[in-house]
């Protein structure tokens, strides 16, 4: 699997929109709403979104191709069309995004990041963050991005 390519963190935006643009987030949510591993066509996603948002078919097609280039969708040629499926579950995407954000913070501001994480009082959140930090440290020890 291609490593997902996420370059922006917009902390002023809610949910997965902190990592993705509005339309990218809507496309991913439409795909994640289907059973895991289900492949979809651009037409299916376009029809799912069109009732809420008037979009051109080509806009959805371009967005899905971009998400595939970013490693968030897997594209497979099927006749004249492409079938797309999520490369990661919603939860895996969130874990990846949070891990990447923490890693960037630790690389750039290690001491301050750790001090702020130590202030968290929710034990479930502390455990999840400890797990993410361990994953980040293992990747860095192996020399991975």
N, C-alpha and C. Protein backbone atom coordinates (compact mmCIF):
# COMPACT_ATOMS: atom_id res chain seq x y z
N UNK A 1 0.85 -1.19 0.00
CA UNK A 1 0.00 0.00 0.00
C UNK A 1 0.89 1.25 0.00
N UNK A 2 0.51 2.21 -0.79
CA UNK A 2 1.21 3.48 -0.85
C UNK A 2 0.95 4.26 0.44
N UNK A 3 2.01 4.86 0.98
CA UNK A 3 1.86 5.67 2.20
C UNK A 3 1.00 6.90 1.89
N UNK A 4 -0.07 7.13 2.65
CA UNK A 4 -0.91 8.31 2.40
C UNK A 4 -0.11 9.60 2.50
N UNK A 5 -0.39 10.48 1.58
CA UNK A 5 0.33 11.75 1.47
C UNK A 5 -0.54 12.86 2.02
N UNK A 6 -0.20 13.34 3.21
CA UNK A 6 -0.93 14.42 3.85
C UNK A 6 0.08 15.51 4.19
N UNK A 7 -0.16 16.71 3.69
CA UNK A 7 0.82 17.76 3.91
C UNK A 7 0.29 18.92 4.72
N UNK A 8 -1.00 19.00 4.90
CA UNK A 8 -1.58 20.16 5.59
C UNK A 8 -2.31 19.73 6.85
N UNK A 9 -2.18 20.56 7.86
CA UNK A 9 -2.94 20.39 9.08
C UNK A 9 -3.66 21.71 9.32
N UNK A 10 -4.97 21.66 9.32
CA UNK A 10 -5.77 22.86 9.54
C UNK A 10 -6.58 22.65 10.82
N UNK A 11 -6.00 23.03 11.94
CA UNK A 11 -6.61 22.75 13.24
C UNK A 11 -7.89 23.54 13.49
N UNK A 12 -8.16 24.53 12.67
CA UNK A 12 -9.39 25.30 12.82
C UNK A 12 -10.58 24.63 12.14
N UNK A 13 -10.35 23.49 11.47
CA UNK A 13 -11.42 22.81 10.76
C UNK A 13 -11.83 21.55 11.50
N UNK A 14 -13.11 21.18 11.43
CA UNK A 14 -13.60 20.02 12.20
C UNK A 14 -13.28 18.68 11.54
N UNK A 15 -13.09 17.66 12.38
CA UNK A 15 -12.96 16.28 11.91
C UNK A 15 -11.87 16.09 10.87
N UNK A 16 -12.17 15.25 9.87
CA UNK A 16 -11.16 14.93 8.86
C UNK A 16 -10.86 16.11 7.94
N UNK A 17 -11.67 17.17 8.05
CA UNK A 17 -11.38 18.37 7.26
C UNK A 17 -10.12 19.09 7.76
N UNK A 18 -9.60 18.66 8.90
CA UNK A 18 -8.32 19.18 9.38
C UNK A 18 -7.19 18.67 8.48
N UNK A 19 -7.44 17.57 7.75
CA UNK A 19 -6.42 16.99 6.88
C UNK A 19 -6.79 17.06 5.40
N UNK A 20 -8.08 17.16 5.10
CA UNK A 20 -8.56 17.11 3.72
C UNK A 20 -9.40 18.34 3.40
N UNK A 21 -9.50 18.65 2.14
CA UNK A 21 -10.41 19.70 1.70
C UNK A 21 -11.86 19.25 1.87
N UNK A 22 -12.79 20.17 1.76
CA UNK A 22 -14.20 19.85 1.96
C UNK A 22 -14.69 18.75 1.03
N UNK A 23 -14.44 18.88 -0.26
CA UNK A 23 -14.92 17.87 -1.21
C UNK A 23 -14.19 16.55 -1.02
N UNK A 24 -12.89 16.60 -0.77
CA UNK A 24 -12.16 15.36 -0.49
C UNK A 24 -12.75 14.64 0.71
N UNK A 25 -13.06 15.38 1.76
CA UNK A 25 -13.66 14.79 2.96
C UNK A 25 -15.03 14.19 2.64
N UNK A 26 -15.84 14.89 1.86
CA UNK A 26 -17.16 14.37 1.51
C UNK A 26 -17.06 13.09 0.68
N UNK A 27 -16.11 13.04 -0.25
CA UNK A 27 -15.90 11.84 -1.05
C UNK A 27 -15.49 10.68 -0.15
N UNK A 28 -14.52 10.92 0.72
CA UNK A 28 -14.07 9.84 1.61
C UNK A 28 -15.19 9.37 2.51
N UNK A 29 -15.98 10.29 3.06
CA UNK A 29 -17.10 9.88 3.92
C UNK A 29 -18.11 9.04 3.14
N UNK A 30 -18.37 9.42 1.88
CA UNK A 30 -19.31 8.64 1.06
C UNK A 30 -18.78 7.23 0.81
N UNK A 31 -17.48 7.10 0.63
CA UNK A 31 -16.89 5.78 0.41
C UNK A 31 -16.86 4.98 1.70
N UNK A 32 -16.50 5.62 2.80
CA UNK A 32 -16.47 4.92 4.09
C UNK A 32 -17.86 4.52 4.57
N UNK A 33 -18.90 5.16 4.07
CA UNK A 33 -20.27 4.82 4.46
C UNK A 33 -20.69 3.45 3.91
N UNK A 34 -19.98 2.96 2.93
CA UNK A 34 -20.26 1.66 2.34
C UNK A 34 -19.54 0.57 3.13
N UNK A 35 -19.91 -0.68 2.93
CA UNK A 35 -19.19 -1.75 3.64
C UNK A 35 -17.69 -1.72 3.32
N UNK A 36 -16.85 -2.03 4.31
CA UNK A 36 -15.40 -1.99 4.10
C UNK A 36 -14.98 -2.81 2.88
N UNK A 37 -14.04 -2.23 2.11
CA UNK A 37 -13.51 -2.93 0.94
C UNK A 37 -14.37 -2.82 -0.31
N UNK A 38 -15.53 -2.18 -0.20
CA UNK A 38 -16.42 -2.03 -1.34
C UNK A 38 -15.82 -1.07 -2.35
N UNK A 39 -15.78 -1.49 -3.62
CA UNK A 39 -15.29 -0.62 -4.69
C UNK A 39 -16.47 0.16 -5.25
N UNK A 40 -16.21 1.42 -5.60
CA UNK A 40 -17.26 2.30 -6.14
C UNK A 40 -16.75 2.98 -7.40
N UNK A 41 -17.69 3.39 -8.22
CA UNK A 41 -17.36 4.17 -9.40
C UNK A 41 -17.51 5.65 -9.07
N UNK A 42 -16.95 6.47 -9.94
CA UNK A 42 -17.13 7.91 -9.80
C UNK A 42 -18.61 8.24 -9.86
N UNK A 43 -19.33 7.59 -10.75
CA UNK A 43 -20.77 7.84 -10.90
C UNK A 43 -21.51 7.60 -9.59
N UNK A 44 -21.19 6.52 -8.89
CA UNK A 44 -21.87 6.22 -7.62
C UNK A 44 -21.61 7.30 -6.57
N UNK A 45 -20.37 7.76 -6.49
CA UNK A 45 -20.03 8.81 -5.52
C UNK A 45 -20.68 10.12 -5.95
N UNK A 46 -20.62 10.44 -7.23
CA UNK A 46 -21.26 11.65 -7.75
C UNK A 46 -22.75 11.66 -7.38
N UNK A 47 -23.44 10.55 -7.59
CA UNK A 47 -24.87 10.49 -7.28
C UNK A 47 -25.13 10.60 -5.78
N UNK A 48 -24.25 10.04 -4.97
CA UNK A 48 -24.41 10.13 -3.51
C UNK A 48 -24.26 11.57 -3.03
N UNK A 49 -23.37 12.33 -3.67
CA UNK A 49 -23.10 13.70 -3.24
C UNK A 49 -24.01 14.73 -3.88
N UNK A 50 -24.52 14.45 -5.06
CA UNK A 50 -25.23 15.45 -5.84
C UNK A 50 -26.48 15.99 -5.13
N UNK A 51 -27.14 15.17 -4.35
CA UNK A 51 -28.33 15.63 -3.64
C UNK A 51 -28.04 16.70 -2.60
N UNK A 52 -26.84 16.67 -2.05
CA UNK A 52 -26.45 17.65 -1.03
C UNK A 52 -25.69 18.83 -1.62
N UNK A 53 -25.03 18.58 -2.73
CA UNK A 53 -24.11 19.57 -3.27
C UNK A 53 -24.09 19.44 -4.79
N UNK A 54 -24.45 20.48 -5.48
CA UNK A 54 -24.47 20.47 -6.94
C UNK A 54 -23.04 20.52 -7.47
N UNK A 55 -22.58 19.40 -7.98
CA UNK A 55 -21.22 19.28 -8.47
C UNK A 55 -21.23 18.77 -9.91
N UNK A 56 -20.18 19.08 -10.63
CA UNK A 56 -19.99 18.48 -11.94
C UNK A 56 -19.40 17.09 -11.75
N UNK A 57 -19.79 16.17 -12.60
CA UNK A 57 -19.25 14.81 -12.58
C UNK A 57 -17.73 14.85 -12.66
N UNK A 58 -17.19 15.71 -13.53
CA UNK A 58 -15.74 15.78 -13.71
C UNK A 58 -15.03 16.29 -12.46
N UNK A 59 -15.70 17.10 -11.66
CA UNK A 59 -15.11 17.57 -10.40
C UNK A 59 -14.93 16.40 -9.44
N UNK A 60 -15.94 15.54 -9.35
CA UNK A 60 -15.84 14.36 -8.49
C UNK A 60 -14.76 13.42 -9.02
N UNK A 61 -14.72 13.25 -10.34
CA UNK A 61 -13.73 12.38 -10.96
C UNK A 61 -12.31 12.87 -10.66
N UNK A 62 -12.08 14.16 -10.80
CA UNK A 62 -10.77 14.75 -10.54
C UNK A 62 -10.39 14.61 -9.06
N UNK A 63 -11.37 14.82 -8.19
CA UNK A 63 -11.12 14.71 -6.75
C UNK A 63 -10.76 13.28 -6.37
N UNK A 64 -11.46 12.31 -6.94
CA UNK A 64 -11.16 10.91 -6.63
C UNK A 64 -9.79 10.51 -7.18
N UNK A 65 -9.44 11.00 -8.35
CA UNK A 65 -8.10 10.71 -8.90
C UNK A 65 -7.03 11.32 -8.00
N UNK A 66 -7.28 12.53 -7.49
CA UNK A 66 -6.32 13.18 -6.59
C UNK A 66 -6.18 12.38 -5.29
N UNK A 67 -7.30 11.89 -4.75
CA UNK A 67 -7.24 11.08 -3.53
C UNK A 67 -6.48 9.78 -3.78
N UNK A 68 -6.57 9.24 -4.99
CA UNK A 68 -5.79 8.04 -5.32
C UNK A 68 -4.31 8.38 -5.38
N UNK A 69 -3.95 9.52 -5.98
CA UNK A 69 -2.54 9.94 -6.02
C UNK A 69 -1.99 10.16 -4.61
N UNK A 70 -2.84 10.62 -3.71
CA UNK A 70 -2.43 10.85 -2.32
C UNK A 70 -2.34 9.55 -1.52
N UNK A 71 -2.79 8.44 -2.11
CA UNK A 71 -2.73 7.16 -1.43
C UNK A 71 -3.92 6.86 -0.53
N UNK A 72 -4.98 7.67 -0.61
CA UNK A 72 -6.16 7.45 0.22
C UNK A 72 -7.19 6.56 -0.46
N UNK A 73 -7.15 6.51 -1.79
CA UNK A 73 -8.00 5.60 -2.55
C UNK A 73 -7.11 4.71 -3.40
N UNK A 74 -7.60 3.51 -3.67
CA UNK A 74 -6.94 2.59 -4.58
C UNK A 74 -7.80 2.54 -5.83
N UNK A 75 -7.20 2.80 -6.99
CA UNK A 75 -7.93 2.82 -8.26
C UNK A 75 -7.58 1.56 -9.05
N UNK A 76 -8.64 0.92 -9.59
CA UNK A 76 -8.45 -0.27 -10.42
C UNK A 76 -9.26 -0.09 -11.69
N UNK A 77 -8.61 -0.31 -12.83
CA UNK A 77 -9.28 -0.19 -14.12
C UNK A 77 -10.26 -1.35 -14.28
N UNK A 78 -11.50 -1.04 -14.65
CA UNK A 78 -12.53 -2.05 -14.89
C UNK A 78 -13.29 -1.65 -16.15
N UNK A 79 -12.87 -2.19 -17.29
CA UNK A 79 -13.47 -1.78 -18.55
C UNK A 79 -13.11 -0.34 -18.84
N UNK A 80 -14.08 0.46 -19.25
CA UNK A 80 -13.78 1.86 -19.55
C UNK A 80 -13.68 2.75 -18.31
N UNK A 81 -14.10 2.24 -17.16
CA UNK A 81 -14.14 3.05 -15.94
C UNK A 81 -13.11 2.55 -14.93
N UNK A 82 -12.97 3.32 -13.87
CA UNK A 82 -12.14 2.93 -12.73
C UNK A 82 -13.05 2.61 -11.56
N UNK A 83 -12.62 1.64 -10.77
CA UNK A 83 -13.27 1.35 -9.50
C UNK A 83 -12.32 1.84 -8.40
N UNK A 84 -12.89 2.47 -7.40
CA UNK A 84 -12.11 3.02 -6.31
C UNK A 84 -12.55 2.39 -5.00
N UNK A 85 -11.59 2.16 -4.12
CA UNK A 85 -11.91 1.72 -2.77
C UNK A 85 -10.96 2.45 -1.82
N UNK A 86 -11.39 2.57 -0.58
CA UNK A 86 -10.57 3.25 0.42
C UNK A 86 -9.32 2.43 0.71
N UNK A 87 -8.18 3.08 0.74
CA UNK A 87 -6.92 2.41 1.08
C UNK A 87 -6.84 2.16 2.58
N UNK A 88 -7.53 3.00 3.36
CA UNK A 88 -7.55 2.90 4.81
C UNK A 88 -8.99 3.02 5.30
N UNK A 89 -9.30 2.38 6.40
CA UNK A 89 -10.60 2.62 7.03
C UNK A 89 -10.58 4.04 7.59
N UNK A 90 -11.74 4.52 7.97
CA UNK A 90 -11.81 5.87 8.55
C UNK A 90 -10.93 5.95 9.80
N UNK A 91 -11.00 4.94 10.64
CA UNK A 91 -10.21 4.93 11.88
C UNK A 91 -8.71 4.87 11.57
N UNK A 92 -8.31 4.06 10.58
CA UNK A 92 -6.90 3.99 10.19
C UNK A 92 -6.42 5.34 9.64
N UNK A 93 -7.29 6.00 8.87
CA UNK A 93 -6.93 7.31 8.33
C UNK A 93 -6.69 8.30 9.48
N UNK A 94 -7.61 8.32 10.44
CA UNK A 94 -7.48 9.24 11.57
C UNK A 94 -6.20 8.93 12.35
N UNK A 95 -5.94 7.64 12.61
CA UNK A 95 -4.71 7.26 13.32
C UNK A 95 -3.48 7.73 12.56
N UNK A 96 -3.49 7.53 11.24
CA UNK A 96 -2.35 7.95 10.43
C UNK A 96 -2.16 9.47 10.50
N UNK A 97 -3.26 10.20 10.36
CA UNK A 97 -3.19 11.66 10.38
C UNK A 97 -2.69 12.16 11.73
N UNK A 98 -3.25 11.64 12.81
CA UNK A 98 -2.84 12.07 14.15
C UNK A 98 -1.38 11.69 14.39
N UNK A 99 -0.99 10.48 13.97
CA UNK A 99 0.40 10.07 14.12
C UNK A 99 1.35 10.98 13.36
N UNK A 100 0.98 11.34 12.13
CA UNK A 100 1.82 12.24 11.32
C UNK A 100 1.90 13.62 11.97
N UNK A 101 0.77 14.10 12.48
CA UNK A 101 0.77 15.42 13.14
C UNK A 101 1.63 15.39 14.39
N UNK A 102 1.49 14.35 15.21
CA UNK A 102 2.32 14.23 16.41
C UNK A 102 3.80 14.14 16.06
N UNK A 103 4.09 13.38 15.02
CA UNK A 103 5.49 13.24 14.63
C UNK A 103 6.08 14.59 14.21
N UNK A 104 5.33 15.36 13.44
CA UNK A 104 5.82 16.68 13.03
C UNK A 104 6.02 17.58 14.24
N UNK A 105 5.07 17.51 15.19
CA UNK A 105 5.21 18.32 16.40
C UNK A 105 6.41 17.87 17.22
N UNK A 106 6.61 16.55 17.33
CA UNK A 106 7.74 16.05 18.11
C UNK A 106 9.07 16.39 17.46
N UNK A 107 9.13 16.34 16.13
CA UNK A 107 10.36 16.68 15.44
C UNK A 107 10.68 18.16 15.62
N UNK A 108 9.67 18.99 15.49
CA UNK A 108 9.90 20.44 15.54
C UNK A 108 9.89 21.02 16.95
N UNK A 109 9.09 20.43 17.85
CA UNK A 109 8.90 20.99 19.19
C UNK A 109 8.80 19.86 20.22
N UNK A 110 9.81 19.02 20.30
CA UNK A 110 9.75 17.80 21.12
C UNK A 110 9.37 18.08 22.57
N UNK A 111 10.09 18.95 23.23
CA UNK A 111 9.84 19.20 24.65
C UNK A 111 8.46 19.75 24.91
N UNK A 112 8.06 20.75 24.17
CA UNK A 112 6.74 21.37 24.37
C UNK A 112 5.62 20.38 24.07
N UNK A 113 5.79 19.57 23.03
CA UNK A 113 4.75 18.58 22.68
C UNK A 113 4.57 17.59 23.81
N UNK A 114 5.67 17.04 24.30
CA UNK A 114 5.57 16.06 25.40
C UNK A 114 4.98 16.69 26.66
N UNK A 115 5.36 17.93 26.98
CA UNK A 115 4.81 18.58 28.17
C UNK A 115 3.29 18.74 28.04
N UNK A 116 2.83 19.13 26.88
CA UNK A 116 1.39 19.31 26.69
C UNK A 116 0.65 17.97 26.75
N UNK A 117 1.23 16.92 26.19
CA UNK A 117 0.59 15.61 26.23
C UNK A 117 0.51 15.07 27.65
N UNK A 118 1.50 15.40 28.48
CA UNK A 118 1.49 14.96 29.87
C UNK A 118 0.38 15.62 30.67
N UNK A 119 -0.15 16.74 30.21
CA UNK A 119 -1.22 17.45 30.91
C UNK A 119 -2.60 16.83 30.69
N UNK A 120 -2.72 15.93 29.73
CA UNK A 120 -4.03 15.32 29.45
C UNK A 120 -4.48 14.49 30.64
N UNK A 121 -5.76 14.57 30.97
CA UNK A 121 -6.27 13.86 32.14
C UNK A 121 -7.13 12.64 31.80
N UNK A 122 -7.62 12.55 30.58
CA UNK A 122 -8.46 11.42 30.17
C UNK A 122 -7.58 10.18 29.99
N UNK A 123 -7.78 9.12 30.81
CA UNK A 123 -6.92 7.94 30.73
C UNK A 123 -7.00 7.22 29.38
N UNK A 124 -8.18 7.19 28.75
CA UNK A 124 -8.30 6.54 27.44
C UNK A 124 -7.49 7.31 26.39
N UNK A 125 -7.58 8.63 26.44
CA UNK A 125 -6.83 9.47 25.51
C UNK A 125 -5.33 9.34 25.77
N UNK A 126 -4.93 9.30 27.02
CA UNK A 126 -3.52 9.13 27.35
C UNK A 126 -2.99 7.80 26.78
N UNK A 127 -3.78 6.74 26.93
CA UNK A 127 -3.36 5.42 26.43
C UNK A 127 -3.24 5.44 24.91
N UNK A 128 -4.21 6.04 24.23
CA UNK A 128 -4.19 6.10 22.76
C UNK A 128 -3.00 6.93 22.28
N UNK A 129 -2.74 8.05 22.93
CA UNK A 129 -1.60 8.88 22.55
C UNK A 129 -0.28 8.17 22.82
N UNK A 130 -0.20 7.43 23.91
CA UNK A 130 1.02 6.68 24.20
C UNK A 130 1.27 5.65 23.09
N UNK A 131 0.20 5.00 22.64
CA UNK A 131 0.32 4.03 21.56
C UNK A 131 0.78 4.70 20.26
N UNK A 132 0.19 5.85 19.94
CA UNK A 132 0.60 6.59 18.74
C UNK A 132 2.05 7.05 18.83
N UNK A 133 2.45 7.53 20.01
CA UNK A 133 3.84 7.96 20.19
C UNK A 133 4.81 6.79 20.00
N UNK A 134 4.44 5.62 20.50
CA UNK A 134 5.29 4.44 20.32
C UNK A 134 5.41 4.09 18.84
N UNK A 135 4.30 4.18 18.09
CA UNK A 135 4.33 3.90 16.65
C UNK A 135 5.26 4.89 15.94
N UNK A 136 5.15 6.16 16.30
CA UNK A 136 5.99 7.20 15.70
C UNK A 136 7.46 6.91 16.00
N UNK A 137 7.76 6.58 17.24
CA UNK A 137 9.14 6.32 17.62
C UNK A 137 9.69 5.08 16.94
N UNK A 138 8.85 4.03 16.77
CA UNK A 138 9.29 2.82 16.05
C UNK A 138 9.60 3.14 14.58
N UNK A 139 8.72 3.93 13.94
CA UNK A 139 8.94 4.31 12.53
C UNK A 139 10.23 5.12 12.41
N UNK A 140 10.43 6.05 13.30
CA UNK A 140 11.62 6.91 13.24
C UNK A 140 12.88 6.06 13.48
N UNK A 141 12.80 5.07 14.37
CA UNK A 141 13.96 4.20 14.64
C UNK A 141 14.30 3.37 13.42
N UNK A 142 13.28 3.01 12.62
CA UNK A 142 13.51 2.24 11.39
C UNK A 142 13.88 3.13 10.23
N UNK A 143 13.85 4.45 10.44
CA UNK A 143 14.21 5.38 9.38
C UNK A 143 13.09 5.65 8.40
N UNK A 144 11.85 5.31 8.77
CA UNK A 144 10.71 5.55 7.88
C UNK A 144 10.21 6.97 8.07
N UNK A 145 9.49 7.45 7.06
CA UNK A 145 8.87 8.78 7.16
C UNK A 145 7.61 8.69 7.95
